[in-house]
Amino acid sequence: MLTLFNYWCEAVARVEESGHTHLLSTQPASTPRLALRWLRGRVRDVAEQLDPAPAQPASYWLDDQLEHERALSALAAGEAYAFVLADDTTRYVLSVRPIGTER
């Protein structure tokens, strides 16, 4: 039996004061590379809406090729991967998780 993975990509925002969580975006992906492409786009989108200081970790992450390779390896191995950004009021969690199928 061979286990293959598809991937579920998700971006959520949690408002710290109220504890409310808002689903911002979802997307299925058929490969780790497509999932990472989605993740990079959403990290860029969120960072563009933040002030410069809270957005700085996103800038570093977007340019970090070694971390992207690590994320690809983790996803291909069936592990989840997440990137978190936060400002004074909100925490943004952008994640990809494998959805296994048996063949």
PDB file of N, CA and C in Angstrom:
ATOM      1  N   MET A   1       0.844  -1.170   0.000  1.00  0.00           N
ATOM      2  CA  MET A   1       0.000   0.000   0.000  1.00  0.00           C
ATOM      3  C   MET A   1       0.897   1.244   0.000  1.00  0.00           C
ATOM      4  N   LEU A   2       0.660   2.164  -0.908  1.00  0.00           N
ATOM      5  CA  LEU A   2       1.437   3.381  -1.052  1.00  0.00           C
ATOM      6  C   LEU A   2       0.627   4.541  -0.493  1.00  0.00           C
ATOM      7  N   THR A   3       1.256   5.375   0.348  1.00  0.00           N
ATOM      8  CA  THR A   3       0.574   6.547   0.883  1.00  0.00           C
ATOM      9  C   THR A   3       1.031   7.773   0.117  1.00  0.00           C
ATOM     10  N   LEU A   4       0.099   8.455  -0.485  1.00  0.00           N
ATOM     11  CA  LEU A   4       0.363   9.709  -1.193  1.00  0.00           C
ATOM     12  C   LEU A   4      -0.287  10.834  -0.416  1.00  0.00           C
ATOM     13  N   PHE A   5       0.198  12.037  -0.595  1.00  0.00           N
ATOM     14  CA  PHE A   5      -0.357  13.160   0.124  1.00  0.00           C
ATOM     15  C   PHE A   5      -0.862  14.218  -0.834  1.00  0.00           C
ATOM     16  N   ASN A   6      -1.990  14.768  -0.498  1.00  0.00           N
ATOM     17  CA  ASN A   6      -2.419  16.046  -1.005  1.00  0.00           C
ATOM     18  C   ASN A   6      -2.291  16.976   0.181  1.00  0.00           C
ATOM     19  N   TYR A   7      -2.485  18.249  -0.030  1.00  0.00           N
ATOM     20  CA  TYR A   7      -2.213  19.218   1.028  1.00  0.00           C
ATOM     21  C   TYR A   7      -3.368  20.198   1.173  1.00  0.00           C
ATOM     22  N   TRP A   8      -3.637  20.569   2.420  1.00  0.00           N
ATOM     23  CA  TRP A   8      -4.643  21.579   2.719  1.00  0.00           C
ATOM     24  C   TRP A   8      -3.917  22.791   3.264  1.00  0.00           C
ATOM     25  N   CYS A   9      -4.099  23.932   2.602  1.00  0.00           N
ATOM     26  CA  CYS A   9      -3.442  25.182   2.966  1.00  0.00           C
ATOM     27  C   CYS A   9      -4.483  26.080   3.627  1.00  0.00           C
ATOM     28  N   GLU A  10      -4.076  26.774   4.683  1.00  0.00           N
ATOM     29  CA  GLU A  10      -5.045  27.570   5.437  1.00  0.00           C
ATOM     30  C   GLU A  10      -4.362  28.780   6.065  1.00  0.00           C
ATOM     31  N   ALA A  11      -5.068  29.899   6.054  1.00  0.00           N
ATOM     32  CA  ALA A  11      -4.609  31.108   6.740  1.00  0.00           C
ATOM     33  C   ALA A  11      -5.720  31.556   7.673  1.00  0.00           C
ATOM     34  N   VAL A  12      -5.368  31.755   8.937  1.00  0.00           N
ATOM     35  CA  VAL A  12      -6.339  32.226   9.927  1.00  0.00           C
ATOM     36  C   VAL A  12      -5.748  33.393  10.691  1.00  0.00           C
ATOM     37  N   ALA A  13      -6.641  34.232  11.192  1.00  0.00           N
ATOM     38  CA  ALA A  13      -6.250  35.361  12.039  1.00  0.00           C
ATOM     39  C   ALA A  13      -6.967  35.210  13.366  1.00  0.00           C
ATOM     40  N   ARG A  14      -6.221  35.292  14.451  1.00  0.00           N
ATOM     41  CA  ARG A  14      -6.811  35.219  15.785  1.00  0.00           C
ATOM     42  C   ARG A  14      -6.639  36.573  16.453  1.00  0.00           C
ATOM     43  N   VAL A  15      -7.769  37.199  16.781  1.00  0.00           N
ATOM     44  CA  VAL A  15      -7.755  38.488  17.474  1.00  0.00           C
ATOM     45  C   VAL A  15      -7.510  38.197  18.949  1.00  0.00           C
ATOM     46  N   GLU A  16      -6.391  38.668  19.464  1.00  0.00           N
ATOM     47  CA  GLU A  16      -5.966  38.304  20.815  1.00  0.00           C
ATOM     48  C   GLU A  16      -6.948  38.768  21.890  1.00  0.00           C
ATOM     49  N   GLU A  17      -7.452  39.981  21.788  1.00  0.00           N
ATOM     50  CA  GLU A  17      -8.330  40.524  22.837  1.00  0.00           C
ATOM     51  C   GLU A  17      -9.627  39.736  22.977  1.00  0.00           C
ATOM     52  N   SER A  18     -10.250  39.412  21.873  1.00  0.00           N
ATOM     53  CA  SER A  18     -11.544  38.726  21.910  1.00  0.00           C
ATOM     54  C   SER A  18     -11.423  37.208  21.821  1.00  0.00           C
ATOM     55  N   GLY A  19     -10.295  36.731  21.300  1.00  0.00           N
ATOM     56  CA  GLY A  19     -10.137  35.299  21.103  1.00  0.00           C
ATOM     57  C   GLY A  19     -10.816  34.781  19.852  1.00  0.00           C
ATOM     58  N   HIS A  20     -11.430  35.660  19.064  1.00  0.00           N
ATOM     59  CA  HIS A  20     -12.099  35.236  17.840  1.00  0.00           C
ATOM     60  C   HIS A  20     -11.070  34.839  16.779  1.00  0.00           C
ATOM     61  N   THR A  21     -11.386  33.782  16.068  1.00  0.00           N
ATOM     62  CA  THR A  21     -10.547  33.315  14.969  1.00  0.00           C
ATOM     63  C   THR A  21     -11.307  33.496  13.663  1.00  0.00           C
ATOM     64  N   HIS A  22     -10.632  34.064  12.677  1.00  0.00           N
ATOM     65  CA  HIS A  22     -11.236  34.334  11.375  1.00  0.00           C
ATOM     66  C   HIS A  22     -10.474  33.570  10.296  1.00  0.00           C
ATOM     67  N   LEU A  23     -11.205  32.794   9.526  1.00  0.00           N
ATOM     68  CA  LEU A  23     -10.610  32.081   8.406  1.00  0.00           C
ATOM     69  C   LEU A  23     -10.389  33.084   7.273  1.00  0.00           C
ATOM     70  N   LEU A  24      -9.154  33.245   6.843  1.00  0.00           N
ATOM     71  CA  LEU A  24      -8.821  34.220   5.802  1.00  0.00           C
ATOM     72  C   LEU A  24      -8.779  33.596   4.411  1.00  0.00           C
ATOM     73  N   SER A  25      -8.258  32.369   4.337  1.00  0.00           N
ATOM     74  CA  SER A  25      -8.071  31.761   3.030  1.00  0.00           C
ATOM     75  C   SER A  25      -7.807  30.276   3.191  1.00  0.00           C
ATOM     76  N   THR A  26      -8.277  29.501   2.221  1.00  0.00           N
ATOM     77  CA  THR A  26      -7.942  28.080   2.150  1.00  0.00           C
ATOM     78  C   THR A  26      -7.678  27.720   0.702  1.00  0.00           C
ATOM     79  N   GLN A  27      -6.926  26.639   0.534  1.00  0.00           N
ATOM     80  CA  GLN A  27      -6.611  26.192  -0.827  1.00  0.00           C
ATOM     81  C   GLN A  27      -6.086  24.770  -0.771  1.00  0.00           C
ATOM     82  N   PRO A  28      -6.623  23.872  -1.571  1.00  0.00           N
ATOM     83  CA  PRO A  28      -5.981  22.562  -1.678  1.00  0.00           C
ATOM     84  C   PRO A  28      -4.769  22.669  -2.602  1.00  0.00           C
ATOM     85  N   ALA A  29      -3.796  21.796  -2.403  1.00  0.00           N
ATOM     86  CA  ALA A  29      -2.623  21.742  -3.277  1.00  0.00           C
ATOM     87  C   ALA A  29      -2.268  20.281  -3.494  1.00  0.00           C
ATOM     88  N   SER A  30      -1.788  19.977  -4.680  1.00  0.00           N
ATOM     89  CA  SER A  30      -1.501  18.585  -5.011  1.00  0.00           C
ATOM     90  C   SER A  30      -0.045  18.192  -4.777  1.00  0.00           C
ATOM     91  N   THR A  31       0.839  19.171  -4.560  1.00  0.00           N
ATOM     92  CA  THR A  31       2.257  18.864  -4.329  1.00  0.00           C
ATOM     93  C   THR A  31       2.810  19.777  -3.232  1.00  0.00           C
ATOM     94  N   PRO A  32       3.915  19.383  -2.593  1.00  0.00           N
ATOM     95  CA  PRO A  32       4.538  20.275  -1.615  1.00  0.00           C
ATOM     96  C   PRO A  32       4.941  21.618  -2.223  1.00  0.00           C
ATOM     97  N   ARG A  33       5.427  21.590  -3.457  1.00  0.00           N
ATOM     98  CA  ARG A  33       5.856  22.839  -4.099  1.00  0.00           C
ATOM     99  C   ARG A  33       4.691  23.801  -4.326  1.00  0.00           C
ATOM    100  N   LEU A  34       3.543  23.273  -4.752  1.00  0.00           N
ATOM    101  CA  LEU A  34       2.364  24.130  -4.932  1.00  0.00           C
ATOM    102  C   LEU A  34       1.861  24.651  -3.587  1.00  0.00           C
ATOM    103  N   ALA A  35       1.942  23.817  -2.560  1.00  0.00           N
ATOM    104  CA  ALA A  35       1.537  24.258  -1.221  1.00  0.00           C
ATOM    105  C   ALA A  35       2.447  25.379  -0.730  1.00  0.00           C
ATOM    106  N   LEU A  36       3.750  25.237  -0.943  1.00  0.00           N
ATOM    107  CA  LEU A  36       4.693  26.280  -0.525  1.00  0.00           C
ATOM    108  C   LEU A  36       4.479  27.557  -1.324  1.00  0.00           C
ATOM    109  N   ARG A  37       4.164  27.440  -2.594  1.00  0.00           N
ATOM    110  CA  ARG A  37       3.879  28.615  -3.415  1.00  0.00           C
ATOM    111  C   ARG A  37       2.675  29.375  -2.840  1.00  0.00           C
ATOM    112  N   TRP A  38       1.638  28.626  -2.470  1.00  0.00           N
ATOM    113  CA  TRP A  38       0.453  29.248  -1.851  1.00  0.00           C
ATOM    114  C   TRP A  38       0.856  29.939  -0.548  1.00  0.00           C
ATOM    115  N   LEU A  39       1.619  29.239   0.285  1.00  0.00           N
ATOM    116  CA  LEU A  39       2.037  29.781   1.575  1.00  0.00           C
ATOM    117  C   LEU A  39       2.830  31.066   1.398  1.00  0.00           C
ATOM    118  N   ARG A  40       3.755  31.073   0.474  1.00  0.00           N
ATOM    119  CA  ARG A  40       4.558  32.282   0.224  1.00  0.00           C
ATOM    120  C   ARG A  40       3.678  33.456  -0.206  1.00  0.00           C
ATOM    121  N   GLY A  41       2.701  33.184  -1.053  1.00  0.00           N
ATOM    122  CA  GLY A  41       1.799  34.254  -1.491  1.00  0.00           C
ATOM    123  C   GLY A  41       0.975  34.818  -0.362  1.00  0.00           C
ATOM    124  N   ARG A  42       0.482  33.957   0.511  1.00  0.00           N
ATOM    125  CA  ARG A  42      -0.337  34.436   1.623  1.00  0.00           C
ATOM    126  C   ARG A  42       0.510  35.164   2.659  1.00  0.00           C
ATOM    127  N   VAL A  43       1.726  34.678   2.916  1.00  0.00           N
ATOM    128  CA  VAL A  43       2.622  35.392   3.843  1.00  0.00           C
ATOM    129  C   VAL A  43       2.881  36.789   3.308  1.00  0.00           C
ATOM    130  N   ARG A  44       3.128  36.890   2.010  1.00  0.00           N
ATOM    131  CA  ARG A  44       3.357  38.205   1.385  1.00  0.00           C
ATOM    132  C   ARG A  44       2.119  39.100   1.539  1.00  0.00           C
ATOM    133  N   ASP A  45       0.927  38.529   1.302  1.00  0.00           N
ATOM    134  CA  ASP A  45      -0.313  39.302   1.417  1.00  0.00           C
ATOM    135  C   ASP A  45      -0.512  39.845   2.823  1.00  0.00           C
ATOM    136  N   VAL A  46      -0.318  38.990   3.819  1.00  0.00           N
ATOM    137  CA  VAL A  46      -0.503  39.426   5.204  1.00  0.00           C
ATOM    138  C   VAL A  46       0.539  40.476   5.568  1.00  0.00           C
ATOM    139  N   ALA A  47       1.788  40.236   5.216  1.00  0.00           N
ATOM    140  CA  ALA A  47       2.859  41.166   5.557  1.00  0.00           C
ATOM    141  C   ALA A  47       2.633  42.553   4.966  1.00  0.00           C
ATOM    142  N   GLU A  48       2.083  42.605   3.755  1.00  0.00           N
ATOM    143  CA  GLU A  48       1.824  43.896   3.119  1.00  0.00           C
ATOM    144  C   GLU A  48       0.805  44.726   3.883  1.00  0.00           C
ATOM    145  N   GLN A  49      -0.015  44.087   4.705  1.00  0.00           N
ATOM    146  CA  GLN A  49      -1.044  44.796   5.452  1.00  0.00           C
ATOM    147  C   GLN A  49      -0.598  45.177   6.861  1.00  0.00           C
ATOM    148  N   LEU A  50       0.587  44.733   7.254  1.00  0.00           N
ATOM    149  CA  LEU A  50       1.098  45.028   8.587  1.00  0.00           C
ATOM    150  C   LEU A  50       2.038  46.221   8.559  1.00  0.00           C
ATOM    151  N   ASP A  51       2.238  46.815   9.729  1.00  0.00           N
ATOM    152  CA  ASP A  51       3.260  47.844   9.863  1.00  0.00           C
ATOM    153  C   ASP A  51       4.629  47.203   9.639  1.00  0.00           C
ATOM    154  N   PRO A  52       5.647  48.007   9.326  1.00  0.00           N
ATOM    155  CA  PRO A  52       6.957  47.444   8.991  1.00  0.00           C
ATOM    156  C   PRO A  52       7.569  46.530  10.058  1.00  0.00           C
ATOM    157  N   ALA A  53       7.507  46.892  11.318  1.00  0.00           N
ATOM    158  CA  ALA A  53       8.151  46.065  12.357  1.00  0.00           C
ATOM    159  C   ALA A  53       7.523  44.671  12.458  1.00  0.00           C
ATOM    160  N   PRO A  54       6.196  44.540  12.566  1.00  0.00           N
ATOM    161  CA  PRO A  54       5.626  43.193  12.627  1.00  0.00           C
ATOM    162  C   PRO A  54       5.782  42.408  11.319  1.00  0.00           C
ATOM    163  N   ALA A  55       5.952  43.110  10.203  1.00  0.00           N
ATOM    164  CA  ALA A  55       6.095  42.443   8.910  1.00  0.00           C
ATOM    165  C   ALA A  55       7.517  41.947   8.658  1.00  0.00           C
ATOM    166  N   GLN A  56       8.485  42.405   9.442  1.00  0.00           N
ATOM    167  CA  GLN A  56       9.891  42.071   9.195  1.00  0.00           C
ATOM    168  C   GLN A  56      10.168  40.565   9.185  1.00  0.00           C
ATOM    169  N   PRO A  57       9.613  39.768  10.118  1.00  0.00           N
ATOM    170  CA  PRO A  57       9.874  38.322  10.038  1.00  0.00           C
ATOM    171  C   PRO A  57       9.415  37.702   8.712  1.00  0.00           C
ATOM    172  N   ALA A  58       8.344  38.227   8.147  1.00  0.00           N
ATOM    173  CA  ALA A  58       7.871  37.710   6.859  1.00  0.00           C
ATOM    174  C   ALA A  58       8.888  37.998   5.768  1.00  0.00           C
ATOM    175  N   SER A  59       9.479  39.174   5.788  1.00  0.00           N
ATOM    176  CA  SER A  59      10.493  39.514   4.785  1.00  0.00           C
ATOM    177  C   SER A  59      11.670  38.551   4.854  1.00  0.00           C
ATOM    178  N   TYR A  60      12.120  38.269   6.080  1.00  0.00           N
ATOM    179  CA  TYR A  60      13.224  37.318   6.244  1.00  0.00           C
ATOM    180  C   TYR A  60      12.820  35.937   5.739  1.00  0.00           C
ATOM    181  N   TRP A  61      11.629  35.488   6.137  1.00  0.00           N
ATOM    182  CA  TRP A  61      11.175  34.152   5.753  1.00  0.00           C
ATOM    183  C   TRP A  61      11.018  34.029   4.243  1.00  0.00           C
ATOM    184  N   LEU A  62      10.473  35.054   3.604  1.00  0.00           N
ATOM    185  CA  LEU A  62      10.267  35.013   2.157  1.00  0.00           C
ATOM    186  C   LEU A  62      11.584  34.876   1.390  1.00  0.00           C
ATOM    187  N   ASP A  63      12.684  35.359   1.966  1.00  0.00           N
ATOM    188  CA  ASP A  63      13.991  35.290   1.317  1.00  0.00           C
ATOM    189  C   ASP A  63      14.836  34.096   1.768  1.00  0.00           C
ATOM    190  N   ASP A  64      14.316  33.279   2.675  1.00  0.00           N
ATOM    191  CA  ASP A  64      15.095  32.202   3.285  1.00  0.00           C
ATOM    192  C   ASP A  64      14.925  30.895   2.506  1.00  0.00           C
ATOM    193  N   GLN A  65      15.773  30.679   1.515  1.00  0.00           N
ATOM    194  CA  GLN A  65      15.683  29.480   0.672  1.00  0.00           C
ATOM    195  C   GLN A  65      15.926  28.189   1.449  1.00  0.00           C
ATOM    196  N   LEU A  66      16.809  28.236   2.435  1.00  0.00           N
ATOM    197  CA  LEU A  66      17.056  27.037   3.240  1.00  0.00           C
ATOM    198  C   LEU A  66      15.805  26.635   4.019  1.00  0.00           C
ATOM    199  N   GLU A  67      15.090  27.607   4.544  1.00  0.00           N
ATOM    200  CA  GLU A  67      13.855  27.301   5.267  1.00  0.00           C
ATOM    201  C   GLU A  67      12.790  26.765   4.320  1.00  0.00           C
ATOM    202  N   HIS A  68      12.745  27.281   3.116  1.00  0.00           N
ATOM    203  CA  HIS A  68      11.777  26.770   2.126  1.00  0.00           C
ATOM    204  C   HIS A  68      12.086  25.309   1.783  1.00  0.00           C
ATOM    205  N   GLU A  69      13.354  24.963   1.663  1.00  0.00           N
ATOM    206  CA  GLU A  69      13.728  23.578   1.400  1.00  0.00           C
ATOM    207  C   GLU A  69      13.355  22.682   2.579  1.00  0.00           C
ATOM    208  N   ARG A  70      13.530  23.208   3.792  1.00  0.00           N
ATOM    209  CA  ARG A  70      13.129  22.455   4.980  1.00  0.00           C
ATOM    210  C   ARG A  70      11.626  22.222   4.988  1.00  0.00           C
ATOM    211  N   ALA A  71      10.863  23.255   4.623  1.00  0.00           N
ATOM    212  CA  ALA A  71       9.398  23.129   4.564  1.00  0.00           C
ATOM    213  C   ALA A  71       8.992  22.089   3.522  1.00  0.00           C
ATOM    214  N   LEU A  72       9.610  22.130   2.359  1.00  0.00           N
ATOM    215  CA  LEU A  72       9.311  21.146   1.318  1.00  0.00           C
ATOM    216  C   LEU A  72       9.605  19.723   1.793  1.00  0.00           C
ATOM    217  N   SER A  73      10.722  19.547   2.455  1.00  0.00           N
ATOM    218  CA  SER A  73      11.081  18.224   2.968  1.00  0.00           C
ATOM    219  C   SER A  73      10.084  17.748   4.009  1.00  0.00           C
ATOM    220  N   ALA A  74       9.695  18.634   4.903  1.00  0.00           N
ATOM    221  CA  ALA A  74       8.725  18.271   5.938  1.00  0.00           C
ATOM    222  C   ALA A  74       7.395  17.872   5.307  1.00  0.00           C
ATOM    223  N   LEU A  75       6.912  18.647   4.363  1.00  0.00           N
ATOM    224  CA  LEU A  75       5.639  18.337   3.713  1.00  0.00           C
ATOM    225  C   LEU A  75       5.711  17.019   2.957  1.00  0.00           C
ATOM    226  N   ALA A  76       6.799  16.792   2.243  1.00  0.00           N
ATOM    227  CA  ALA A  76       6.950  15.549   1.495  1.00  0.00           C
ATOM    228  C   ALA A  76       7.001  14.338   2.420  1.00  0.00           C
ATOM    229  N   ALA A  77       7.468  14.551   3.650  1.00  0.00           N
ATOM    230  CA  ALA A  77       7.545  13.471   4.638  1.00  0.00           C
ATOM    231  C   ALA A  77       6.222  13.284   5.385  1.00  0.00           C
ATOM    232  N   GLY A  78       5.217  14.086   5.052  1.00  0.00           N
ATOM    233  CA  GLY A  78       3.916  13.940   5.693  1.00  0.00           C
ATOM    234  C   GLY A  78       3.727  14.778   6.936  1.00  0.00           C
ATOM    235  N   GLU A  79       4.591  15.752   7.153  1.00  0.00           N
ATOM    236  CA  GLU A  79       4.488  16.632   8.313  1.00  0.00           C
ATOM    237  C   GLU A  79       3.775  17.923   7.934  1.00  0.00           C
ATOM    238  N   ALA A  80       3.174  18.561   8.927  1.00  0.00           N
ATOM    239  CA  ALA A  80       2.565  19.880   8.732  1.00  0.00           C
ATOM    240  C   ALA A  80       3.657  20.946   8.830  1.00  0.00           C
ATOM    241  N   TYR A  81       3.375  22.116   8.256  1.00  0.00           N
ATOM    242  CA  TYR A  81       4.301  23.241   8.331  1.00  0.00           C
ATOM    243  C   TYR A  81       3.484  24.512   8.539  1.00  0.00           C
ATOM    244  N   ALA A  82       3.954  25.392   9.411  1.00  0.00           N
ATOM    245  CA  ALA A  82       3.232  26.639   9.679  1.00  0.00           C
ATOM    246  C   ALA A  82       4.211  27.798   9.824  1.00  0.00           C
ATOM    247  N   PHE A  83       3.713  28.971   9.478  1.00  0.00           N
ATOM    248  CA  PHE A  83       4.439  30.217   9.684  1.00  0.00           C
ATOM    249  C   PHE A  83       3.492  31.161  10.415  1.00  0.00           C
ATOM    250  N   VAL A  84       4.002  31.841  11.449  1.00  0.00           N
ATOM    251  CA  VAL A  84       3.166  32.705  12.278  1.00  0.00           C
ATOM    252  C   VAL A  84       3.700  34.126  12.230  1.00  0.00           C
ATOM    253  N   LEU A  85       2.789  35.060  12.032  1.00  0.00           N
ATOM    254  CA  LEU A  85       3.083  36.491  12.109  1.00  0.00           C
ATOM    255  C   LEU A  85       2.163  37.092  13.165  1.00  0.00           C
ATOM    256  N   ALA A  86       2.616  38.137  13.821  1.00  0.00           N
ATOM    257  CA  ALA A  86       1.758  38.781  14.816  1.00  0.00           C
ATOM    258  C   ALA A  86       2.043  40.267  14.874  1.00  0.00           C
ATOM    259  N   ASP A  87       0.993  41.022  15.147  1.00  0.00           N
ATOM    260  CA  ASP A  87       1.162  42.429  15.478  1.00  0.00           C
ATOM    261  C   ASP A  87       0.604  42.612  16.886  1.00  0.00           C
ATOM    262  N   ASP A  88       0.300  43.843  17.280  1.00  0.00           N
ATOM    263  CA  ASP A  88      -0.149  44.105  18.648  1.00  0.00           C
ATOM    264  C   ASP A  88      -1.489  43.474  18.979  1.00  0.00           C
ATOM    265  N   THR A  89      -2.322  43.228  17.990  1.00  0.00           N
ATOM    266  CA  THR A  89      -3.680  42.777  18.259  1.00  0.00           C
ATOM    267  C   THR A  89      -4.043  41.415  17.681  1.00  0.00           C
ATOM    268  N   THR A  90      -3.291  40.965  16.686  1.00  0.00           N
ATOM    269  CA  THR A  90      -3.714  39.792  15.931  1.00  0.00           C
ATOM    270  C   THR A  90      -2.544  38.860  15.658  1.00  0.00           C
ATOM    271  N   ARG A  91      -2.840  37.584  15.721  1.00  0.00           N
ATOM    272  CA  ARG A  91      -1.862  36.543  15.382  1.00  0.00           C
ATOM    273  C   ARG A  91      -2.340  35.862  14.111  1.00  0.00           C
ATOM    274  N   TYR A  92      -1.475  35.784  13.107  1.00  0.00           N
ATOM    275  CA  TYR A  92      -1.793  35.176  11.820  1.00  0.00           C
ATOM    276  C   TYR A  92      -1.048  33.849  11.717  1.00  0.00           C
ATOM    277  N   VAL A  93      -1.787  32.778  11.488  1.00  0.00           N
ATOM    278  CA  VAL A  93      -1.189  31.460  11.343  1.00  0.00           C
ATOM    279  C   VAL A  93      -1.458  30.990   9.922  1.00  0.00           C
ATOM    280  N   LEU A  94      -0.397  30.776   9.174  1.00  0.00           N
ATOM    281  CA  LEU A  94      -0.481  30.316   7.786  1.00  0.00           C
ATOM    282  C   LEU A  94       0.122  28.925   7.771  1.00  0.00           C
ATOM    283  N   SER A  95      -0.670  27.944   7.387  1.00  0.00           N
ATOM    284  CA  SER A  95      -0.219  26.565   7.548  1.00  0.00           C
ATOM    285  C   SER A  95      -0.578  25.694   6.351  1.00  0.00           C
ATOM    286  N   VAL A  96       0.165  24.605   6.256  1.00  0.00           N
ATOM    287  CA  VAL A  96      -0.087  23.569   5.253  1.00  0.00           C
ATOM    288  C   VAL A  96      -0.010  22.241   5.989  1.00  0.00           C
ATOM    289  N   ARG A  97      -0.978  21.385   5.734  1.00  0.00           N
ATOM    290  CA  ARG A  97      -0.938  20.048   6.330  1.00  0.00           C
ATOM    291  C   ARG A  97      -1.262  19.012   5.264  1.00  0.00           C
ATOM    292  N   PRO A  98      -0.601  17.885   5.337  1.00  0.00           N
ATOM    293  CA  PRO A  98      -0.892  16.826   4.364  1.00  0.00           C
ATOM    294  C   PRO A  98      -2.203  16.139   4.685  1.00  0.00           C
ATOM    295  N   ILE A  99      -2.861  15.724   3.634  1.00  0.00           N
ATOM    296  CA  ILE A  99      -4.068  14.911   3.743  1.00  0.00           C
ATOM    297  C   ILE A  99      -3.729  13.615   3.039  1.00  0.00           C
ATOM    298  N   GLY A 100      -3.540  12.541   3.791  1.00  0.00           N
ATOM    299  CA  GLY A 100      -3.089  11.268   3.223  1.00  0.00           C
ATOM    300  C   GLY A 100      -4.195  10.528   2.521  1.00  0.00           C
ATOM    301  N   THR A 101      -3.833   9.853   1.464  1.00  0.00           N
ATOM    302  CA  THR A 101      -4.750   8.948   0.749  1.00  0.00           C
ATOM    303  C   THR A 101      -4.012   7.652   0.523  1.00  0.00           C
ATOM    304  N   GLU A 102      -4.697   6.550   0.654  1.00  0.00           N
ATOM    305  CA  GLU A 102      -4.087   5.233   0.460  1.00  0.00           C
ATOM    306  C   GLU A 102      -4.323   4.754  -0.974  1.00  0.00           C
ATOM    307  N   ARG A 103      -3.303   4.168  -1.581  1.00  0.00           N
ATOM    308  CA  ARG A 103      -3.432   3.574  -2.918  1.00  0.00           C
ATOM    309  C   ARG A 103      -2.782   2.219  -2.912  1.00  0.00           C
TER     310      ARG A 103
END
